[in-house]
Protein backbone atom coordinates (compact mmCIF):
# COMPACT_ATOMS: atom_id res chain seq x y z
CA MET A 1 -62.26 -34.69 -57.32
CA TRP A 2 -62.25 -31.82 -59.36
CA VAL A 3 -62.73 -31.57 -63.25
CA PRO A 4 -62.18 -28.74 -65.68
CA TRP A 5 -64.40 -25.98 -66.20
CA ALA A 6 -67.29 -28.19 -68.08
CA GLY A 7 -70.42 -27.47 -66.51
CA LEU A 8 -69.48 -24.76 -64.41
CA PRO A 9 -71.96 -21.59 -63.47
CA PRO A 10 -71.30 -18.98 -66.20
CA ARG A 11 -69.69 -16.64 -63.27
CA LEU A 12 -66.95 -19.32 -62.88
CA THR A 13 -66.09 -20.20 -66.24
CA LEU A 14 -63.48 -17.80 -66.89
CA SER A 15 -62.27 -17.89 -63.48
CA ALA A 16 -61.31 -21.29 -64.27
CA LEU A 17 -59.23 -20.18 -67.12
CA THR A 18 -57.01 -18.36 -65.37
CA VAL A 19 -53.91 -20.25 -63.88
CA PRO A 20 -53.77 -20.65 -60.14
CA GLY A 21 -52.55 -17.15 -58.41
CA ARG A 22 -54.74 -15.06 -61.14
CA PHE A 23 -57.41 -12.75 -59.62
CA CYS A 24 -59.92 -11.55 -62.41
CA THR A 25 -63.03 -12.78 -64.05
CA LEU A 26 -63.46 -11.17 -67.09
CA ARG A 27 -67.47 -10.14 -67.68
CA SER A 28 -67.70 -12.99 -64.85
CA GLY A 29 -69.13 -10.90 -61.96
CA ALA A 30 -66.35 -8.49 -62.48
CA ALA A 31 -66.68 -5.07 -63.93
CA ARG A 32 -64.55 -2.36 -65.34
CA ARG A 33 -63.68 0.95 -63.32
CA LYS A 34 -65.32 2.80 -66.56
CA ASP A 35 -68.52 0.61 -65.85
CA VAL A 36 -69.85 1.77 -62.40
CA PRO A 37 -70.27 5.22 -61.14
CA ALA A 38 -67.41 6.97 -60.07
CA GLY A 39 -67.70 6.75 -56.18
CA TYR A 40 -66.62 3.31 -56.98
CA ARG A 41 -64.33 3.82 -59.70
CA ARG A 42 -61.39 1.90 -57.14
CA ALA A 43 -60.26 -1.91 -57.65
CA LEU A 44 -58.28 -4.41 -56.17
CA SER A 45 -54.82 -2.94 -57.68
CA ASP A 46 -55.19 0.64 -56.15
CA PHE A 47 -53.51 -0.85 -53.23
CA GLN A 48 -51.11 -3.21 -55.71
CA PRO A 49 -50.79 -1.27 -58.98
CA LYS A 50 -48.89 -4.34 -60.95
CA LEU A 51 -50.72 -7.57 -61.43
CA VAL A 52 -48.62 -10.57 -60.80
CA PRO A 53 -49.45 -13.63 -62.40
CA CYS A 54 -48.67 -15.99 -59.47
CA VAL A 55 -49.24 -13.94 -56.41
CA GLY A 56 -45.98 -14.50 -53.91
CA PHE A 57 -43.79 -15.92 -55.99
CA GLY A 58 -42.89 -13.14 -58.85
CA LYS A 59 -42.53 -13.25 -62.49
CA SER A 60 -42.37 -16.71 -64.40
CA ARG A 61 -39.27 -17.64 -65.68
CA VAL A 62 -37.47 -20.79 -66.61
CA TYR A 63 -36.64 -23.01 -63.34
CA LYS A 64 -33.27 -23.77 -62.54
CA HIS A 65 -32.37 -25.94 -59.33
CA ASN A 66 -30.05 -24.44 -56.48
CA SER A 67 -28.56 -25.85 -54.00
CA GLU A 68 -30.04 -24.03 -50.44
CA PRO A 69 -28.59 -25.29 -46.75
CA LYS A 70 -31.73 -27.24 -45.71
CA ARG A 71 -31.86 -28.23 -41.57
CA TYR A 72 -31.79 -32.41 -41.09
CA ILE A 73 -33.05 -34.31 -37.70
CA THR A 74 -29.72 -35.76 -36.60
CA ASN A 75 -30.49 -36.65 -33.20
CA PRO A 76 -32.16 -40.13 -32.81
CA ARG A 77 -33.96 -39.39 -29.76
CA VAL A 78 -35.76 -36.70 -31.73
CA ALA A 79 -36.56 -38.79 -34.37
CA GLU A 80 -37.81 -41.86 -32.10
CA ASN A 81 -40.29 -39.15 -30.23
CA LEU A 82 -41.68 -37.78 -33.89
CA VAL A 83 -42.49 -41.56 -34.95
CA ARG A 84 -44.48 -41.98 -31.03
CA ILE A 85 -46.43 -38.76 -32.15
CA LEU A 86 -47.10 -39.35 -36.06
CA ARG A 87 -47.78 -43.61 -35.28
CA ARG A 88 -49.63 -43.25 -31.94
CA LYS A 89 -51.95 -45.37 -33.92
CA ARG A 90 -49.49 -47.89 -35.34
CA LYS A 91 -51.11 -48.40 -38.32
CA SER A 92 -49.89 -51.29 -40.23
CA GLY A 93 -47.87 -50.14 -43.58
CA GLN A 94 -48.95 -46.90 -43.15
CA LEU A 95 -47.30 -44.69 -46.12
CA PHE A 96 -45.16 -41.36 -45.25
CA LEU A 97 -43.41 -39.07 -47.79
CA GLU A 98 -40.28 -37.79 -46.00
CA CYS A 99 -38.96 -34.41 -47.24
CA ASN A 100 -35.05 -34.44 -47.10
CA PRO A 101 -34.30 -37.19 -45.22
CA GLY A 102 -30.93 -36.41 -45.31
CA PRO A 103 -28.43 -38.92 -43.25
CA GLY A 104 -32.07 -41.24 -42.17
CA PHE A 105 -32.63 -40.64 -38.50
CA LEU A 106 -36.36 -39.99 -39.01
CA THR A 107 -36.01 -42.65 -41.87
CA ARG A 108 -35.33 -45.45 -39.89
CA ALA A 109 -37.01 -44.86 -37.05
CA LEU A 110 -40.58 -44.65 -39.43
CA LEU A 111 -39.26 -47.73 -40.75
CA GLU A 112 -38.40 -49.82 -37.66
CA SER A 113 -42.21 -48.66 -36.46
CA GLY A 114 -43.51 -50.84 -39.64
CA ALA A 115 -43.98 -47.72 -41.75
CA ARG A 116 -43.17 -47.36 -45.18
CA VAL A 117 -41.33 -44.12 -46.67
CA ILE A 118 -41.30 -42.50 -49.90
CA ALA A 119 -37.78 -40.57 -49.30
CA CYS A 120 -37.49 -37.15 -51.30
CA GLU A 121 -34.19 -36.36 -51.13
CA SER A 122 -32.35 -33.41 -53.17
CA ASP A 123 -28.74 -33.77 -52.26
CA LYS A 124 -27.05 -36.85 -54.35
CA ALA A 125 -24.62 -37.35 -51.45
CA PHE A 126 -27.22 -38.54 -49.46
CA ILE A 127 -28.95 -41.03 -52.00
CA PRO A 128 -26.50 -44.07 -51.48
CA GLN A 129 -26.73 -43.99 -47.24
CA LEU A 130 -30.53 -44.36 -47.67
CA GLU A 131 -30.72 -47.07 -50.50
CA ASP A 132 -28.33 -49.08 -48.20
CA LEU A 133 -30.64 -48.25 -45.53
CA GLY A 134 -33.79 -49.63 -47.56
CA GLN A 135 -32.02 -52.67 -48.54
CA LYS A 136 -31.21 -53.26 -44.91
CA LEU A 137 -34.86 -52.87 -43.76
CA GLY A 138 -37.05 -55.31 -45.90
CA GLY A 139 -37.03 -53.14 -48.94
CA LYS A 140 -40.18 -50.97 -47.40
CA LEU A 141 -38.37 -47.55 -48.35
CA LYS A 142 -38.30 -45.77 -51.62
CA VAL A 143 -35.48 -43.27 -52.78
CA VAL A 144 -36.43 -40.61 -55.05
CA TYR A 145 -33.86 -38.04 -56.38
CA CYS A 146 -36.49 -34.93 -55.75
CA ASP A 147 -37.15 -31.92 -54.45
CA PHE A 148 -40.44 -31.87 -52.75
CA PHE A 149 -40.21 -28.43 -52.06
CA LYS A 150 -40.05 -27.36 -55.65
CA LEU A 151 -42.49 -30.04 -57.08
CA ASP A 152 -44.48 -28.16 -59.61
CA PRO A 153 -42.37 -24.79 -59.89
CA ARG A 154 -44.72 -22.06 -61.63
CA GLY A 155 -43.41 -20.76 -64.80
CA HIS A 156 -40.83 -23.36 -65.55
CA GLY A 157 -39.56 -24.83 -69.13
CA ALA A 158 -37.80 -28.47 -68.78
CA LEU A 159 -37.74 -30.01 -65.63
CA THR A 160 -34.40 -31.85 -64.51
CA PRO A 161 -34.17 -34.05 -61.48
CA PRO A 162 -34.37 -33.03 -58.64
CA ILE A 163 -37.21 -30.67 -59.78
CA MET A 164 -39.96 -32.61 -61.50
CA THR A 165 -43.46 -31.95 -61.58
CA ALA A 166 -46.00 -33.89 -59.09
CA GLU A 167 -47.15 -35.88 -61.83
CA THR A 168 -44.31 -37.61 -62.31
CA LEU A 169 -43.41 -38.15 -59.45
CA PHE A 170 -46.48 -40.16 -58.10
CA ARG A 171 -46.99 -41.93 -61.57
CA ASN A 172 -43.72 -43.57 -61.53
CA LEU A 173 -44.34 -44.27 -57.74
CA GLY A 174 -47.80 -45.85 -58.79
CA ILE A 175 -49.99 -44.02 -56.99
CA GLY A 176 -53.26 -42.15 -58.60
CA PRO A 177 -55.20 -39.62 -57.88
CA ASN A 178 -57.97 -39.48 -54.88
CA PRO A 179 -61.15 -37.86 -54.79
CA TRP A 180 -60.96 -34.62 -51.83
CA SER A 181 -63.63 -36.34 -49.52
CA LYS A 182 -61.59 -39.61 -49.54
CA GLY A 183 -58.44 -38.11 -47.73
CA ALA A 184 -54.71 -39.30 -49.16
CA ALA A 185 -53.01 -42.44 -49.32
CA PHE A 186 -50.05 -41.05 -48.05
CA LYS A 187 -48.69 -38.58 -44.81
CA VAL A 188 -45.84 -35.68 -45.82
CA VAL A 189 -43.28 -34.97 -43.12
CA GLY A 190 -40.32 -32.96 -43.09
CA VAL A 191 -38.43 -29.73 -42.32
CA LEU A 192 -39.13 -26.58 -43.82
CA PRO A 193 -36.46 -24.79 -45.80
CA THR A 194 -34.04 -22.74 -43.86
CA ARG A 195 -34.82 -19.34 -46.33
CA ASN A 196 -37.72 -20.07 -47.68
CA GLU A 197 -40.26 -20.95 -45.21
CA ARG A 198 -42.63 -18.03 -46.08
CA ASN A 199 -42.52 -18.63 -49.76
CA THR A 200 -42.71 -22.38 -49.31
CA LEU A 201 -46.31 -22.12 -47.22
CA TRP A 202 -47.51 -19.81 -49.62
CA LYS A 203 -46.61 -22.12 -52.38
CA LEU A 204 -48.54 -25.15 -50.39
CA LEU A 205 -51.78 -23.25 -49.90
CA HIS A 206 -52.10 -22.20 -53.63
CA ASP A 207 -51.58 -26.13 -54.36
CA LEU A 208 -54.18 -26.64 -51.74
CA TYR A 209 -56.91 -24.02 -52.41
CA SER A 210 -56.74 -25.65 -55.99
CA CYS A 211 -56.17 -28.98 -55.31
CA THR A 212 -53.44 -29.33 -57.24
CA SER A 213 -49.68 -30.08 -57.02
CA ILE A 214 -49.80 -33.14 -54.55
CA TYR A 215 -53.41 -31.89 -53.27
CA GLU A 216 -54.76 -33.69 -56.59
CA TYR A 217 -54.06 -36.85 -54.58
CA GLY A 218 -56.85 -36.02 -51.68
CA ARG A 219 -56.64 -34.36 -48.65
CA VAL A 220 -52.85 -34.77 -48.00
CA GLU A 221 -51.73 -34.01 -44.14
CA VAL A 222 -48.86 -32.20 -43.74
CA ASN A 223 -46.70 -32.47 -40.79
CA MET A 224 -43.32 -29.94 -41.25
CA PHE A 225 -41.04 -28.44 -38.60
CA VAL A 226 -41.45 -24.23 -38.77
CA THR A 227 -39.84 -21.80 -36.91
CA GLU A 228 -41.42 -20.74 -33.80
CA LYS A 229 -41.75 -17.41 -35.74
CA GLU A 230 -44.02 -18.52 -38.34
CA CYS A 231 -45.72 -20.66 -36.23
CA ARG A 232 -47.41 -18.04 -34.40
CA LYS A 233 -48.06 -16.01 -37.53
CA ILE A 234 -50.08 -18.84 -38.68
CA MET A 235 -51.82 -19.66 -35.52
CA ALA A 236 -52.31 -15.53 -35.03
CA ASN A 237 -56.27 -13.86 -34.90
CA PRO A 238 -57.35 -10.45 -33.64
CA GLN A 239 -56.32 -11.43 -30.21
CA ASN A 240 -52.34 -11.37 -31.49
CA PRO A 241 -52.85 -8.35 -34.03
CA ASN A 242 -49.35 -7.80 -34.26
CA LEU A 243 -48.89 -11.11 -36.13
CA TYR A 244 -52.02 -11.51 -37.45
CA GLN A 245 -51.96 -11.56 -41.51
CA ALA A 246 -53.51 -12.98 -45.00
CA LEU A 247 -51.53 -16.04 -44.18
CA SER A 248 -52.86 -16.75 -40.68
CA VAL A 249 -56.45 -16.09 -42.48
CA LEU A 250 -55.84 -19.19 -45.34
CA CYS A 251 -53.93 -21.54 -43.42
CA GLN A 252 -56.80 -21.58 -40.82
CA LEU A 253 -59.65 -21.50 -43.30
CA ALA A 254 -57.95 -24.54 -45.32
CA CYS A 255 -56.28 -26.65 -42.30
CA GLY A 256 -56.92 -28.02 -38.55
CA ILE A 257 -53.79 -27.04 -37.32
CA LYS A 258 -52.18 -28.49 -34.15
CA VAL A 259 -48.37 -27.82 -33.08
CA LEU A 260 -47.69 -31.58 -32.06
CA HIS A 261 -43.91 -31.08 -30.70
CA THR A 262 -41.45 -28.30 -30.31
CA GLU A 263 -37.52 -28.78 -30.65
CA PRO A 264 -34.52 -26.70 -29.61
CA CYS A 265 -32.52 -25.58 -32.84
CA SER A 266 -29.58 -27.75 -31.28
CA SER A 267 -31.23 -31.12 -32.46
CA PHE A 268 -31.01 -30.12 -35.83
CA ARG A 269 -27.77 -29.72 -38.59
CA THR A 270 -27.56 -27.57 -40.90
CA PHE A 271 -25.83 -28.99 -44.30
CA ILE A 272 -25.29 -27.40 -47.70
CA GLN A 273 -24.49 -29.26 -51.08
CA ASN A 274 -22.86 -32.50 -51.34
CA GLY A 275 -23.60 -33.64 -47.90
CA GLN A 276 -21.51 -30.47 -45.88
CA LEU A 277 -21.92 -28.89 -43.14
CA GLU A 278 -23.00 -25.35 -43.06
CA LYS A 279 -20.16 -23.49 -41.00
CA LYS A 280 -21.80 -20.47 -40.73
CA GLN A 281 -25.27 -20.33 -38.72
CA HIS A 282 -28.32 -17.67 -39.49
CA ARG A 283 -29.85 -16.23 -36.95
CA GLU A 284 -33.14 -17.55 -37.92
CA SER A 285 -31.13 -21.10 -36.36
CA GLU A 286 -31.55 -19.54 -32.73
CA GLN A 287 -35.29 -19.92 -32.64
CA ASN A 288 -37.02 -23.12 -31.71
CA LEU A 289 -38.77 -25.28 -34.29
CA CYS A 290 -42.48 -26.26 -33.80
CA PHE A 291 -43.74 -29.20 -35.57
CA ILE A 292 -46.83 -28.74 -36.87
CA GLN A 293 -49.86 -30.58 -38.56
CA LEU A 294 -51.67 -29.19 -41.65
CA SER A 295 -54.98 -31.40 -41.80
CA PRO A 296 -57.04 -29.96 -44.58
CA HIS A 297 -60.71 -29.63 -43.69
CA ARG A 298 -63.21 -31.69 -45.95
CA ASN A 299 -65.43 -29.25 -46.28
CA LEU A 300 -63.42 -26.38 -47.32
CA PHE A 301 -64.94 -26.62 -50.92
CA ALA A 302 -68.66 -27.46 -49.39
CA ARG A 303 -70.46 -23.77 -49.55
CA THR A 304 -69.09 -20.99 -52.19
CA LEU A 305 -65.31 -21.66 -52.38
CA THR A 306 -63.65 -23.92 -55.36
CA PRO A 307 -60.72 -24.31 -56.71
CA PHE A 308 -61.56 -22.32 -59.49
CA ASN A 309 -62.22 -19.30 -57.94
CA TYR A 310 -59.77 -19.43 -54.72
CA ASP A 311 -57.64 -16.96 -56.63
CA VAL A 312 -60.71 -14.07 -55.62
CA PHE A 313 -60.62 -15.12 -52.87
CA PHE A 314 -56.89 -15.10 -51.84
CA HIS A 315 -56.49 -11.07 -53.78
CA MET A 316 -59.42 -10.39 -51.23
CA VAL A 317 -57.96 -11.08 -48.36
CA ARG A 318 -54.18 -9.70 -49.40
CA GLN A 319 -55.92 -6.54 -50.47
CA CYS A 320 -57.30 -6.20 -47.29
CA PHE A 321 -54.19 -6.69 -45.06
CA MET A 322 -52.43 -4.36 -47.03
CA LYS A 323 -54.28 -1.48 -45.21
CA ARG A 324 -54.93 -3.68 -42.02
CA ASN A 325 -55.90 -0.81 -39.67
CA ALA A 326 -58.14 0.81 -42.12
CA MET A 327 -62.26 0.15 -42.00
CA LEU A 328 -63.62 -2.33 -43.58
CA ILE A 329 -66.55 -0.61 -45.04
CA ASP A 330 -63.60 1.96 -46.67
CA HIS A 331 -62.47 -1.37 -48.11
CA LEU A 332 -65.56 -2.59 -49.38
CA ARG A 333 -65.74 0.12 -51.70
CA SER A 334 -62.35 -1.12 -53.42
CA LEU A 335 -63.45 -4.70 -53.74
CA SER A 336 -67.25 -4.61 -55.20
CA PRO A 337 -69.26 -2.33 -56.77
CA ILE A 338 -71.97 -3.83 -54.23
CA ASP A 339 -73.30 -1.31 -51.93
CA ALA A 340 -71.14 -1.05 -48.87
CA LEU A 341 -73.52 -0.68 -46.48
CA HIS A 342 -75.64 -3.53 -47.50
CA ILE A 343 -72.90 -5.94 -47.25
CA MET A 344 -72.21 -4.75 -44.17
CA ASN A 345 -75.57 -4.97 -42.47
CA GLN A 346 -75.65 -9.27 -44.24
CA MET A 347 -72.33 -9.81 -42.29
CA ARG A 348 -74.35 -8.27 -38.79
CA LYS A 349 -70.86 -6.27 -38.39
CA LYS A 350 -70.73 -2.65 -36.75
CA HIS A 351 -69.72 -0.15 -39.15
CA SER A 352 -66.59 0.53 -37.19
CA MET A 353 -64.84 -2.87 -37.82
CA LYS A 354 -61.36 -2.56 -38.98
CA ILE A 355 -59.97 -5.48 -41.12
CA VAL A 356 -57.34 -6.78 -37.98
CA ASP A 357 -60.51 -7.33 -36.33
CA MET A 358 -62.02 -9.69 -38.77
CA TYR A 359 -61.87 -13.19 -37.99
CA PRO A 360 -61.11 -16.25 -40.84
CA GLU A 361 -64.28 -17.07 -40.50
CA ASP A 362 -65.60 -12.94 -41.11
CA PHE A 363 -63.48 -12.94 -44.27
CA GLN A 364 -65.04 -16.17 -45.45
CA ARG A 365 -68.26 -14.79 -45.54
CA LEU A 366 -67.46 -11.27 -46.63
CA PHE A 367 -66.32 -13.72 -49.90
CA GLU A 368 -69.86 -15.75 -49.73
CA ILE A 369 -71.92 -12.44 -49.43
CA ILE A 370 -70.31 -10.74 -52.44
CA GLU A 371 -69.64 -13.93 -54.76
CA CYS A 372 -73.37 -15.04 -54.05
CA SER A 373 -74.85 -11.77 -54.32
CA LYS A 374 -78.27 -11.01 -57.24
CA ASP A 375 -77.37 -7.27 -57.08
CA GLY A 376 -76.82 -6.63 -60.40
CA ALA A 377 -74.71 -8.93 -62.74
CA CYS A 378 -70.69 -7.26 -61.55
CA ARG A 379 -69.70 -8.60 -58.11
CA TRP A 380 -66.00 -7.76 -58.31
CA LEU A 381 -63.70 -4.45 -59.53
CA TYR A 382 -60.86 -4.50 -61.64
CA ASP A 383 -59.15 -1.87 -63.71
CA ASP A 384 -59.09 -1.48 -67.57
CA PHE A 385 -55.33 -2.78 -67.72
CA MET A 386 -56.07 -5.95 -66.22
CA GLU A 387 -57.85 -6.98 -69.80
CA ASP A 388 -55.00 -6.49 -71.48
CA THR A 389 -53.36 -8.60 -69.19
CA LEU A 390 -55.09 -11.59 -68.68
CA THR A 391 -56.13 -11.91 -72.19
């Protein structure tokens, strides 16, 4: 299990003190523009002039729960098919955390297969129905008024259910943290929110790389329905340049990704607040939904990358994709004061290589070369204004 910054190497100490999602290790492997030769006086922020405290989520604010349309499984055949996929080994008493089970079709199928279920439901209208189901099926179901997809909101004030922290949720359930090497005591299953798939995926990635929220409890396997379009982006590589993006790189490096099943949207129903069916269907609902499995790699933190410096890696990848068709060697001059040709030679890549031609492993190798470089005290560049922002 990862612990606070005590005992970290000096170059990681200040990175550990910054909140997840913030770039910069001040005077710890980073340099001001004025500290380096004029030819290198560019920075990561040149492509993104404003530093965002939590990448991908906007400004910090007091968090309020807004009910949003949600897709629910309402076809018994689909529920039974998913259970066959998830329960191939039929491990007795296997624990699932189901996100927004709604009417409980999948919940019932899981319970009847011998699994135990924690149902995190954010719509009060479905709570009594789920509680009745738990009583009928031997008490193997725990129902919690909780919005799983809004656990640990960034920049929050006081939280009230269904918004809560993972610590509160799992403490009340009697589940303790697990070391990364030992996996997790439960698996997550559900359907990603209709309107916020991308933001939800980014939040899961931040939590995973920082070992916070649900990932403080081990390498949690997440099984989710996502739109077919989003699934293709997650699994894209340089052979699919139009779909390939920063999210693809970060997902593939962190997790083993499998498409377990594809289901037409007609197998789902979209509900709004208080258990009411949504009358107007959105264009996204016309797509098929892919049931994907995200299994975090055990060796994700075996080398240079850690939960304390992942934010630098995130920014490096995102900044590269902001000019995806540019050559890597041109990006290097804005990423690091280290000689770009030297880095390219260490990577054993052609000087004409473009960002969109790099595989996820190439980005990891690039990060390791710069982060482990001994060519001077400075490894990453940042603008002067960042010091005022981060201190």
